[in-house]
Amino acid sequence: MTTRELLPVIDVTACCSPLTRDTISADHADDLARSLKALADPARLRLISIVAASDGAEACVCDLTEPLGLSQPTVSHHLKVLVDSGYLEREKRGTWAYFRLVPGSLDSVAHLLVTV
């Protein structure tokens, strides 16, 4: 008996399981990857958490520097990334800037995490 005769016969048409739900499109995957990249930083995740947990779900920039233990310019950079990515919105009041979560901005990320 040869080695070839000992190998099991595999039906390649039966090896793939059918999809049971829709998958994301290539364009949606690109957009989501950019969004996740903006979130993929511990300081930014903490900023979102602090803003969401603050009274009225908004926080003054003056209240965001100390909890992170980072310099003001570094916190400002992270806030700018989150604003540019559409997660936070900024409102200037006098000399202070206030930040709040954009409604629904985390929905696509939450949906992806729940359905994985």
Protein backbone atom coordinates (compact mmCIF):
# COMPACT_ATOMS: atom_id res chain seq x y z
CA MET A 1 0.00 0.00 0.00
CA THR A 2 1.38 3.42 -0.89
CA THR A 3 1.28 6.54 1.25
CA ARG A 4 -1.15 8.05 -1.20
CA GLU A 5 -3.62 5.22 -0.61
CA LEU A 6 -3.54 5.84 3.17
CA LEU A 7 -4.61 9.49 2.94
CA PRO A 8 -8.31 10.14 3.55
CA VAL A 9 -10.38 11.55 0.75
CA ILE A 10 -11.64 15.03 1.65
CA ASP A 11 -14.66 16.57 0.00
CA VAL A 12 -13.51 20.19 -0.48
CA THR A 13 -17.05 21.37 -1.22
CA ALA A 14 -18.09 20.50 2.34
CA CYS A 15 -15.20 22.18 4.15
CA CYS A 16 -16.59 25.70 4.28
CA SER A 17 -19.38 26.67 6.62
CA PRO A 18 -22.00 28.98 5.16
CA LEU A 19 -22.26 32.52 6.50
CA THR A 20 -25.13 32.95 8.92
CA ARG A 21 -25.32 36.75 8.87
CA ASP A 22 -24.18 39.69 6.79
CA THR A 23 -20.56 40.80 7.02
CA ILE A 24 -19.23 44.33 6.79
CA SER A 25 -18.25 45.70 3.41
CA ALA A 26 -14.67 46.62 2.51
CA ASP A 27 -15.53 50.35 2.69
CA HIS A 28 -17.16 49.95 6.09
CA ALA A 29 -14.15 47.95 7.30
CA ASP A 30 -11.82 50.77 6.20
CA ASP A 31 -13.93 53.40 7.99
CA LEU A 32 -14.22 51.28 11.11
CA ALA A 33 -10.47 50.60 11.14
CA ARG A 34 -9.79 54.35 11.07
CA SER A 35 -12.26 54.85 13.92
CA LEU A 36 -10.76 52.05 15.96
CA LYS A 37 -7.29 53.45 15.39
CA ALA A 38 -8.43 56.70 16.99
CA LEU A 39 -9.72 54.75 19.99
CA ALA A 40 -6.71 52.43 20.23
CA ASP A 41 -4.94 54.47 22.87
CA PRO A 42 -5.40 54.07 26.64
CA ALA A 43 -5.48 57.85 27.23
CA ARG A 44 -8.21 58.32 24.60
CA LEU A 45 -10.30 55.49 26.00
CA ARG A 46 -9.98 57.05 29.46
CA LEU A 47 -10.93 60.47 28.09
CA ILE A 48 -14.10 59.05 26.57
CA SER A 49 -14.87 57.25 29.83
CA ILE A 50 -14.32 60.39 31.92
CA VAL A 51 -16.45 62.56 29.63
CA ALA A 52 -19.26 59.98 29.55
CA ALA A 53 -19.19 59.60 33.35
CA SER A 54 -19.12 63.35 34.05
CA ASP A 55 -22.16 65.31 35.21
CA GLY A 56 -24.31 66.01 32.16
CA ALA A 57 -22.01 63.74 30.11
CA GLU A 58 -19.69 66.64 29.39
CA ALA A 59 -16.37 67.75 30.85
CA CYS A 60 -14.23 70.85 30.83
CA VAL A 61 -10.72 70.42 29.51
CA CYS A 62 -9.55 71.73 32.88
CA ASP A 63 -11.00 68.58 34.49
CA LEU A 64 -9.37 66.14 32.07
CA THR A 65 -5.66 66.74 32.56
CA GLU A 66 -5.20 65.70 36.19
CA PRO A 67 -6.99 62.31 36.07
CA LEU A 68 -4.79 61.20 33.17
CA GLY A 69 -1.54 62.42 34.66
CA LEU A 70 -0.53 63.81 31.28
CA SER A 71 0.52 67.30 30.26
CA GLN A 72 -2.08 69.72 28.95
CA PRO A 73 -0.66 69.71 25.40
CA THR A 74 -0.78 65.89 25.32
CA VAL A 75 -4.38 65.82 26.56
CA SER A 76 -5.29 68.48 23.99
CA HIS A 77 -3.75 66.36 21.22
CA HIS A 78 -5.77 63.30 22.28
CA LEU A 79 -8.95 65.38 22.49
CA LYS A 80 -8.32 66.75 18.99
CA VAL A 81 -7.95 63.20 17.62
CA LEU A 82 -11.25 62.20 19.26
CA VAL A 83 -13.02 65.31 17.93
CA ASP A 84 -11.60 64.82 14.42
CA SER A 85 -12.72 61.17 14.51
CA GLY A 86 -16.26 62.17 15.42
CA TYR A 87 -16.36 60.70 18.94
CA LEU A 88 -16.36 63.98 20.86
CA GLU A 89 -17.67 67.44 20.13
CA ARG A 90 -16.12 70.61 21.49
CA GLU A 91 -17.83 73.76 22.68
CA LYS A 92 -15.88 76.84 23.69
CA ARG A 93 -17.24 78.74 26.70
CA GLY A 94 -15.15 81.75 27.52
CA THR A 95 -11.58 80.56 27.88
CA TRP A 96 -12.53 76.93 28.52
CA ALA A 97 -13.44 74.15 26.11
CA TYR A 98 -16.09 71.58 27.05
CA PHE A 99 -16.29 68.15 25.51
CA ARG A 100 -19.19 65.74 25.15
CA LEU A 101 -19.75 62.45 23.35
CA VAL A 102 -21.34 62.73 19.94
CA PRO A 103 -24.63 60.81 20.19
CA GLY A 104 -24.35 57.45 18.43
CA SER A 105 -20.61 57.81 17.77
CA LEU A 106 -19.75 54.56 19.51
CA ASP A 107 -22.67 52.57 18.07
CA SER A 108 -20.79 50.95 15.19
CA VAL A 109 -17.93 49.95 17.49
CA ALA A 110 -20.34 48.58 20.10
CA HIS A 111 -22.29 46.67 17.43
CA LEU A 112 -19.10 45.12 16.08
CA LEU A 113 -17.97 44.04 19.56
CA VAL A 114 -21.35 42.53 20.44
CA THR A 115 -21.69 40.57 17.21
CA VAL A 116 -18.17 39.11 17.15
